[in-house]
Amino acid sequence: MKKLYRSRNNRMVFGVCGGIGEYFDVDPTLVRLVWLLFTFWGAGILAYLIAWIIIPEEP
């Protein structure tokens, strides 16, 4: 069973986008670009901080 974790290897800031990319088997750069678009619409920074708090770090 797959679990969502923040990435230790593929991180730029806190590993949230890297972890989401690894979970969905997508390039983390694409996840970062989508997240950047959400940031321009106003919800990205808050969502990233909430994800950083909620998603555990990879063991």
PDB file of N, CA and C in Angstrom:
ATOM      1  N   MET A   1       0.836  -1.175   0.000  1.00  0.00           N
ATOM      2  CA  MET A   1       0.000   0.000   0.000  1.00  0.00           C
ATOM      3  C   MET A   1       0.885   1.244   0.000  1.00  0.00           C
ATOM      4  N   LYS A   2       0.592   2.170  -0.920  1.00  0.00           N
ATOM      5  CA  LYS A   2       1.374   3.401  -1.013  1.00  0.00           C
ATOM      6  C   LYS A   2       0.882   4.412   0.012  1.00  0.00           C
ATOM      7  N   LYS A   3       1.822   5.136   0.579  1.00  0.00           N
ATOM      8  CA  LYS A   3       1.496   6.220   1.501  1.00  0.00           C
ATOM      9  C   LYS A   3       2.145   7.499   1.008  1.00  0.00           C
ATOM     10  N   LEU A   4       1.512   8.598   1.311  1.00  0.00           N
ATOM     11  CA  LEU A   4       2.024   9.906   0.914  1.00  0.00           C
ATOM     12  C   LEU A   4       2.977  10.416   1.977  1.00  0.00           C
ATOM     13  N   TYR A   5       4.201  10.704   1.561  1.00  0.00           N
ATOM     14  CA  TYR A   5       5.219  11.253   2.453  1.00  0.00           C
ATOM     15  C   TYR A   5       5.869  12.455   1.782  1.00  0.00           C
ATOM     16  N   ARG A   6       6.446  13.342   2.589  1.00  0.00           N
ATOM     17  CA  ARG A   6       7.311  14.388   2.039  1.00  0.00           C
ATOM     18  C   ARG A   6       8.634  13.735   1.672  1.00  0.00           C
ATOM     19  N   SER A   7       9.149  14.075   0.522  1.00  0.00           N
ATOM     20  CA  SER A   7      10.363  13.441   0.009  1.00  0.00           C
ATOM     21  C   SER A   7      11.606  13.965   0.726  1.00  0.00           C
ATOM     22  N   ARG A   8      12.530  13.064   0.990  1.00  0.00           N
ATOM     23  CA  ARG A   8      13.833  13.462   1.532  1.00  0.00           C
ATOM     24  C   ARG A   8      14.833  13.691   0.406  1.00  0.00           C
ATOM     25  N   ASN A   9      14.665  12.961  -0.699  1.00  0.00           N
ATOM     26  CA  ASN A   9      15.628  13.022  -1.800  1.00  0.00           C
ATOM     27  C   ASN A   9      15.288  14.091  -2.823  1.00  0.00           C
ATOM     28  N   ASN A  10      14.014  14.313  -3.063  1.00  0.00           N
ATOM     29  CA  ASN A  10      13.580  15.175  -4.146  1.00  0.00           C
ATOM     30  C   ASN A  10      12.898  16.412  -3.566  1.00  0.00           C
ATOM     31  N   ARG A  11      13.657  17.205  -2.854  1.00  0.00           N
ATOM     32  CA  ARG A  11      13.070  18.369  -2.198  1.00  0.00           C
ATOM     33  C   ARG A  11      13.744  19.647  -2.637  1.00  0.00           C
ATOM     34  N   MET A  12      12.926  20.686  -2.702  1.00  0.00           N
ATOM     35  CA  MET A  12      13.442  22.027  -2.985  1.00  0.00           C
ATOM     36  C   MET A  12      13.317  22.874  -1.714  1.00  0.00           C
ATOM     37  N   VAL A  13      12.154  22.820  -1.088  1.00  0.00           N
ATOM     38  CA  VAL A  13      11.946  23.575   0.142  1.00  0.00           C
ATOM     39  C   VAL A  13      11.683  22.605   1.293  1.00  0.00           C
ATOM     40  N   PHE A  14      10.493  21.993   1.337  1.00  0.00           N
ATOM     41  CA  PHE A  14      10.154  21.059   2.416  1.00  0.00           C
ATOM     42  C   PHE A  14       9.865  19.651   1.919  1.00  0.00           C
ATOM     43  N   GLY A  15       9.933  19.408   0.618  1.00  0.00           N
ATOM     44  CA  GLY A  15       9.713  18.077   0.068  1.00  0.00           C
ATOM     45  C   GLY A  15       8.270  17.732  -0.233  1.00  0.00           C
ATOM     46  N   VAL A  16       7.369  18.705  -0.134  1.00  0.00           N
ATOM     47  CA  VAL A  16       5.953  18.437  -0.368  1.00  0.00           C
ATOM     48  C   VAL A  16       5.711  18.068  -1.828  1.00  0.00           C
ATOM     49  N   CYS A  17       6.161  18.878  -2.756  1.00  0.00           N
ATOM     50  CA  CYS A  17       5.934  18.615  -4.186  1.00  0.00           C
ATOM     51  C   CYS A  17       6.662  17.352  -4.633  1.00  0.00           C
ATOM     52  N   GLY A  18       7.842  17.115  -4.107  1.00  0.00           N
ATOM     53  CA  GLY A  18       8.566  15.888  -4.426  1.00  0.00           C
ATOM     54  C   GLY A  18       7.822  14.657  -3.954  1.00  0.00           C
ATOM     55  N   GLY A  19       7.253  14.731  -2.770  1.00  0.00           N
ATOM     56  CA  GLY A  19       6.477  13.608  -2.233  1.00  0.00           C
ATOM     57  C   GLY A  19       5.207  13.360  -3.019  1.00  0.00           C
ATOM     58  N   ILE A  20       4.526  14.428  -3.411  1.00  0.00           N
ATOM     59  CA  ILE A  20       3.312  14.280  -4.212  1.00  0.00           C
ATOM     60  C   ILE A  20       3.663  13.695  -5.584  1.00  0.00           C
ATOM     61  N   GLY A  21       4.757  14.154  -6.165  1.00  0.00           N
ATOM     62  CA  GLY A  21       5.199  13.612  -7.441  1.00  0.00           C
ATOM     63  C   GLY A  21       5.539  12.136  -7.357  1.00  0.00           C
ATOM     64  N   GLU A  22       6.219  11.730  -6.300  1.00  0.00           N
ATOM     65  CA  GLU A  22       6.558  10.317  -6.119  1.00  0.00           C
ATOM     66  C   GLU A  22       5.300   9.479  -5.883  1.00  0.00           C
ATOM     67  N   TYR A  23       4.345  10.006  -5.135  1.00  0.00           N
ATOM     68  CA  TYR A  23       3.113   9.269  -4.834  1.00  0.00           C
ATOM     69  C   TYR A  23       2.303   9.009  -6.100  1.00  0.00           C
ATOM     70  N   PHE A  24       2.149  10.025  -6.950  1.00  0.00           N
ATOM     71  CA  PHE A  24       1.365   9.886  -8.172  1.00  0.00           C
ATOM     72  C   PHE A  24       2.205   9.455  -9.368  1.00  0.00           C
ATOM     73  N   ASP A  25       3.484   9.169  -9.149  1.00  0.00           N
ATOM     74  CA  ASP A  25       4.410   8.736 -10.187  1.00  0.00           C
ATOM     75  C   ASP A  25       4.457   9.740 -11.347  1.00  0.00           C
ATOM     76  N   VAL A  26       4.623  11.012 -10.968  1.00  0.00           N
ATOM     77  CA  VAL A  26       4.698  12.123 -11.910  1.00  0.00           C
ATOM     78  C   VAL A  26       5.991  12.877 -11.616  1.00  0.00           C
ATOM     79  N   ASP A  27       6.526  13.545 -12.612  1.00  0.00           N
ATOM     80  CA  ASP A  27       7.723  14.346 -12.422  1.00  0.00           C
ATOM     81  C   ASP A  27       7.442  15.466 -11.409  1.00  0.00           C
ATOM     82  N   PRO A  28       8.206  15.560 -10.334  1.00  0.00           N
ATOM     83  CA  PRO A  28       7.969  16.596  -9.334  1.00  0.00           C
ATOM     84  C   PRO A  28       8.046  18.017  -9.878  1.00  0.00           C
ATOM     85  N   THR A  29       8.770  18.213 -10.973  1.00  0.00           N
ATOM     86  CA  THR A  29       8.829  19.544 -11.580  1.00  0.00           C
ATOM     87  C   THR A  29       7.451  19.972 -12.072  1.00  0.00           C
ATOM     88  N   LEU A  30       6.685  19.041 -12.621  1.00  0.00           N
ATOM     89  CA  LEU A  30       5.322  19.353 -13.048  1.00  0.00           C
ATOM     90  C   LEU A  30       4.443  19.714 -11.850  1.00  0.00           C
ATOM     91  N   VAL A  31       4.617  18.994 -10.766  1.00  0.00           N
ATOM     92  CA  VAL A  31       3.848  19.300  -9.553  1.00  0.00           C
ATOM     93  C   VAL A  31       4.210  20.696  -9.056  1.00  0.00           C
ATOM     94  N   ARG A  32       5.480  21.034  -9.105  1.00  0.00           N
ATOM     95  CA  ARG A  32       5.913  22.375  -8.675  1.00  0.00           C
ATOM     96  C   ARG A  32       5.324  23.466  -9.562  1.00  0.00           C
ATOM     97  N   LEU A  33       5.265  23.227 -10.855  1.00  0.00           N
ATOM     98  CA  LEU A  33       4.688  24.215 -11.768  1.00  0.00           C
ATOM     99  C   LEU A  33       3.194  24.410 -11.514  1.00  0.00           C
ATOM    100  N   VAL A  34       2.474  23.324 -11.287  1.00  0.00           N
ATOM    101  CA  VAL A  34       1.049  23.435 -10.967  1.00  0.00           C
ATOM    102  C   VAL A  34       0.869  24.175  -9.654  1.00  0.00           C
ATOM    103  N   TRP A  35       1.716  23.863  -8.676  1.00  0.00           N
ATOM    104  CA  TRP A  35       1.635  24.539  -7.381  1.00  0.00           C
ATOM    105  C   TRP A  35       1.912  26.032  -7.539  1.00  0.00           C
ATOM    106  N   LEU A  36       2.820  26.372  -8.410  1.00  0.00           N
ATOM    107  CA  LEU A  36       3.121  27.772  -8.679  1.00  0.00           C
ATOM    108  C   LEU A  36       1.901  28.491  -9.252  1.00  0.00           C
ATOM    109  N   LEU A  37       1.158  27.829 -10.136  1.00  0.00           N
ATOM    110  CA  LEU A  37      -0.068  28.414 -10.670  1.00  0.00           C
ATOM    111  C   LEU A  37      -1.093  28.658  -9.561  1.00  0.00           C
ATOM    112  N   PHE A  38      -1.223  27.695  -8.635  1.00  0.00           N
ATOM    113  CA  PHE A  38      -2.129  27.883  -7.497  1.00  0.00           C
ATOM    114  C   PHE A  38      -1.694  29.059  -6.632  1.00  0.00           C
ATOM    115  N   THR A  39      -0.403  29.273  -6.543  1.00  0.00           N
ATOM    116  CA  THR A  39       0.105  30.395  -5.745  1.00  0.00           C
ATOM    117  C   THR A  39      -0.317  31.725  -6.342  1.00  0.00           C
ATOM    118  N   PHE A  40      -0.326  31.820  -7.668  1.00  0.00           N
ATOM    119  CA  PHE A  40      -0.766  33.060  -8.307  1.00  0.00           C
ATOM    120  C   PHE A  40      -2.248  33.316  -8.092  1.00  0.00           C
ATOM    121  N   TRP A  41      -3.033  32.246  -7.889  1.00  0.00           N
ATOM    122  CA  TRP A  41      -4.460  32.425  -7.634  1.00  0.00           C
ATOM    123  C   TRP A  41      -4.742  32.644  -6.152  1.00  0.00           C
ATOM    124  N   GLY A  42      -3.725  32.592  -5.313  1.00  0.00           N
ATOM    125  CA  GLY A  42      -3.888  32.970  -3.921  1.00  0.00           C
ATOM    126  C   GLY A  42      -3.921  31.836  -2.913  1.00  0.00           C
ATOM    127  N   ALA A  43      -4.160  30.611  -3.337  1.00  0.00           N
ATOM    128  CA  ALA A  43      -4.310  29.520  -2.374  1.00  0.00           C
ATOM    129  C   ALA A  43      -3.047  28.684  -2.219  1.00  0.00           C
ATOM    130  N   GLY A  44      -2.053  28.890  -3.054  1.00  0.00           N
ATOM    131  CA  GLY A  44      -0.886  28.016  -3.090  1.00  0.00           C
ATOM    132  C   GLY A  44      -0.015  28.045  -1.861  1.00  0.00           C
ATOM    133  N   ILE A  45       0.282  29.211  -1.348  1.00  0.00           N
ATOM    134  CA  ILE A  45       1.185  29.303  -0.190  1.00  0.00           C
ATOM    135  C   ILE A  45       0.547  28.699   1.050  1.00  0.00           C
ATOM    136  N   LEU A  46      -0.709  29.029   1.284  1.00  0.00           N
ATOM    137  CA  LEU A  46      -1.410  28.474   2.451  1.00  0.00           C
ATOM    138  C   LEU A  46      -1.546  26.956   2.322  1.00  0.00           C
ATOM    139  N   ALA A  47      -1.895  26.474   1.131  1.00  0.00           N
ATOM    140  CA  ALA A  47      -2.035  25.034   0.911  1.00  0.00           C
ATOM    141  C   ALA A  47      -0.697  24.319   1.100  1.00  0.00           C
ATOM    142  N   TYR A  48       0.393  24.934   0.644  1.00  0.00           N
ATOM    143  CA  TYR A  48       1.715  24.329   0.805  1.00  0.00           C
ATOM    144  C   TYR A  48       2.080  24.226   2.293  1.00  0.00           C
ATOM    145  N   LEU A  49       1.825  25.270   3.040  1.00  0.00           N
ATOM    146  CA  LEU A  49       2.133  25.236   4.473  1.00  0.00           C
ATOM    147  C   LEU A  49       1.291  24.192   5.208  1.00  0.00           C
ATOM    148  N   ILE A  50       0.024  24.087   4.843  1.00  0.00           N
ATOM    149  CA  ILE A  50      -0.835  23.072   5.464  1.00  0.00           C
ATOM    150  C   ILE A  50      -0.340  21.678   5.098  1.00  0.00           C
ATOM    151  N   ALA A  51       0.029  21.471   3.821  1.00  0.00           N
ATOM    152  CA  ALA A  51       0.555  20.169   3.396  1.00  0.00           C
ATOM    153  C   ALA A  51       1.854  19.845   4.121  1.00  0.00           C
ATOM    154  N   TRP A  52       2.688  20.853   4.333  1.00  0.00           N
ATOM    155  CA  TRP A  52       3.957  20.649   5.049  1.00  0.00           C
ATOM    156  C   TRP A  52       3.703  20.173   6.482  1.00  0.00           C
ATOM    157  N   ILE A  53       2.670  20.692   7.098  1.00  0.00           N
ATOM    158  CA  ILE A  53       2.343  20.318   8.477  1.00  0.00           C
ATOM    159  C   ILE A  53       1.688  18.948   8.533  1.00  0.00           C
ATOM    160  N   ILE A  54       0.812  18.650   7.571  1.00  0.00           N
ATOM    161  CA  ILE A  54       0.006  17.428   7.628  1.00  0.00           C
ATOM    162  C   ILE A  54       0.749  16.195   7.104  1.00  0.00           C
ATOM    163  N   ILE A  55       1.489  16.331   6.014  1.00  0.00           N
ATOM    164  CA  ILE A  55       2.142  15.181   5.390  1.00  0.00           C
ATOM    165  C   ILE A  55       3.415  14.829   6.161  1.00  0.00           C
ATOM    166  N   PRO A  56       3.530  13.588   6.644  1.00  0.00           N
ATOM    167  CA  PRO A  56       4.742  13.218   7.399  1.00  0.00           C
ATOM    168  C   PRO A  56       5.944  13.069   6.479  1.00  0.00           C
ATOM    169  N   GLU A  57       7.131  13.229   7.059  1.00  0.00           N
ATOM    170  CA  GLU A  57       8.365  13.069   6.296  1.00  0.00           C
ATOM    171  C   GLU A  57       8.651  11.592   6.058  1.00  0.00           C
ATOM    172  N   GLU A  58       9.256  11.311   4.925  1.00  0.00           N
ATOM    173  CA  GLU A  58       9.584   9.945   4.549  1.00  0.00           C
ATOM    174  C   GLU A  58      10.491   9.312   5.611  1.00  0.00           C
ATOM    175  N   PRO A  59      10.157   8.090   6.034  1.00  0.00           N
ATOM    176  CA  PRO A  59      11.008   7.445   7.056  1.00  0.00           C
ATOM    177  C   PRO A  59      12.365   7.038   6.520  1.00  0.00           C
TER     178      PRO A  59
END
